[in-house]
Amino acid sequence: MVRSLVLRSGAGQSCQRLFGLTQILLWYDSNMAVRKWSVSIDEDLAERVEEHVGGRGLSGFVARAVEHELERDALGEYLDELDVEFGTVPAELVEDFDKLWP
């Protein structure tokens, strides 16, 4: 089961069912240029996010998550470029450092 959420920054939230998809509309009530999106999310993930975020603001949480994912993608591309330029890191070295990582 999934839900449709309509969220406005600082204005609370209202929920309604919509064809078995979770739909989230995000926007801010400020002078900052923003774009409103509709996003479908699995019900289990939506519940976990709502429990995690609570009353702190879903829009800000989603914006930070998107920014984080873009940063991870950019880092992955940079590491791929380094592999092309300098060669891949030997598997044994990766394993040795993996053992040291907490």
Protein backbone atom coordinates (compact mmCIF):
# COMPACT_ATOMS: atom_id res chain seq x y z
CA MET A 1 0.00 0.00 0.00
CA VAL A 2 1.33 3.47 -0.86
CA ARG A 3 0.19 7.00 -0.22
CA SER A 4 0.06 10.35 -1.94
CA LEU A 5 1.42 13.25 0.08
CA VAL A 6 1.14 16.93 -0.69
CA LEU A 7 3.62 18.94 1.37
CA ARG A 8 4.19 22.67 1.72
CA SER A 9 7.10 24.03 3.70
CA GLY A 10 5.73 25.38 6.97
CA ALA A 11 2.14 24.62 6.01
CA GLY A 12 1.73 21.05 7.29
CA GLN A 13 0.68 18.16 5.11
CA SER A 14 -2.38 16.50 3.71
CA CYS A 15 -2.58 12.91 2.52
CA GLN A 16 -4.76 11.19 -0.03
CA ARG A 17 -4.74 7.85 -1.88
CA LEU A 18 -3.71 7.96 -5.54
CA PHE A 19 -3.62 4.83 -7.71
CA GLY A 20 -1.30 2.84 -5.42
CA LEU A 21 1.64 5.26 -5.75
CA THR A 22 3.19 7.64 -3.28
CA GLN A 23 3.28 11.09 -4.81
CA ILE A 24 5.15 13.91 -3.12
CA LEU A 25 4.82 17.50 -4.26
CA LEU A 26 7.57 19.73 -2.86
CA TRP A 27 7.86 23.51 -2.80
CA TYR A 28 9.02 26.33 -0.52
CA ASP A 29 7.23 29.50 0.61
CA SER A 30 10.21 31.83 0.21
CA ASN A 31 11.91 34.06 -2.32
CA MET A 32 14.29 31.24 -3.27
CA ALA A 33 13.76 29.95 -6.81
CA VAL A 34 12.37 26.43 -6.52
CA ARG A 35 10.74 23.83 -8.72
CA LYS A 36 7.75 21.71 -7.72
CA TRP A 37 8.13 17.97 -8.39
CA SER A 38 5.89 14.96 -8.18
CA VAL A 39 7.81 11.89 -6.98
CA SER A 40 6.56 8.31 -6.54
CA ILE A 41 8.08 6.41 -3.63
CA ASP A 42 7.58 2.87 -2.35
CA GLU A 43 5.30 2.77 0.70
CA ASP A 44 7.90 1.17 2.98
CA LEU A 45 10.50 3.79 2.08
CA ALA A 46 7.95 6.59 2.54
CA GLU A 47 7.12 5.33 6.04
CA ARG A 48 10.81 5.08 6.99
CA VAL A 49 11.47 8.62 5.76
CA GLU A 50 8.43 10.02 7.56
CA GLU A 51 9.48 8.32 10.81
CA HIS A 52 13.02 9.64 10.42
CA VAL A 53 12.10 13.20 9.46
CA GLY A 54 9.13 13.69 11.78
CA GLY A 55 8.15 17.35 11.95
CA ARG A 56 11.53 18.66 10.77
CA GLY A 57 10.49 19.13 7.15
CA LEU A 58 10.34 16.63 4.35
CA SER A 59 11.22 19.12 1.61
CA GLY A 60 14.56 19.99 3.18
CA PHE A 61 15.34 16.34 3.85
CA VAL A 62 14.62 15.36 0.24
CA ALA A 63 16.64 18.30 -1.10
CA ARG A 64 19.65 17.27 1.03
CA ALA A 65 19.27 13.62 -0.05
CA VAL A 66 19.22 14.61 -3.73
CA GLU A 67 22.26 16.86 -3.27
CA HIS A 68 24.07 14.03 -1.46
CA GLU A 69 23.33 11.59 -4.28
CA LEU A 70 24.58 14.07 -6.90
CA GLU A 71 27.80 14.49 -4.90
CA ARG A 72 28.23 10.69 -4.72
CA ASP A 73 27.74 10.41 -8.49
CA ALA A 74 30.32 13.17 -9.11
CA LEU A 75 32.79 11.43 -6.80
CA GLY A 76 32.24 8.13 -8.64
CA GLU A 77 32.93 9.84 -11.97
CA TYR A 78 36.09 11.41 -10.56
CA LEU A 79 37.33 8.05 -9.27
CA ASP A 80 36.65 6.53 -12.70
CA GLU A 81 38.75 9.30 -14.28
CA LEU A 82 41.58 8.57 -11.84
CA ASP A 83 41.40 4.87 -12.74
CA VAL A 84 41.75 5.76 -16.42
CA GLU A 85 44.64 8.15 -15.77
CA PHE A 86 46.60 6.14 -13.19
CA GLY A 87 45.20 2.62 -13.41
CA THR A 88 42.94 0.79 -10.98
CA VAL A 89 43.89 0.24 -7.37
CA PRO A 90 45.13 -3.34 -6.89
CA ALA A 91 42.49 -5.58 -5.29
CA GLU A 92 44.89 -6.64 -2.52
CA LEU A 93 45.40 -3.02 -1.48
CA VAL A 94 41.65 -2.42 -1.42
CA GLU A 95 41.19 -5.53 0.74
CA ASP A 96 43.93 -4.41 3.15
CA PHE A 97 42.30 -1.01 3.62
CA ASP A 98 38.82 -2.54 3.91
CA LYS A 99 40.10 -4.56 6.88
CA LEU A 100 41.30 -1.36 8.58
CA TRP A 101 38.02 0.50 8.05
CA PRO A 102 35.68 0.37 11.05
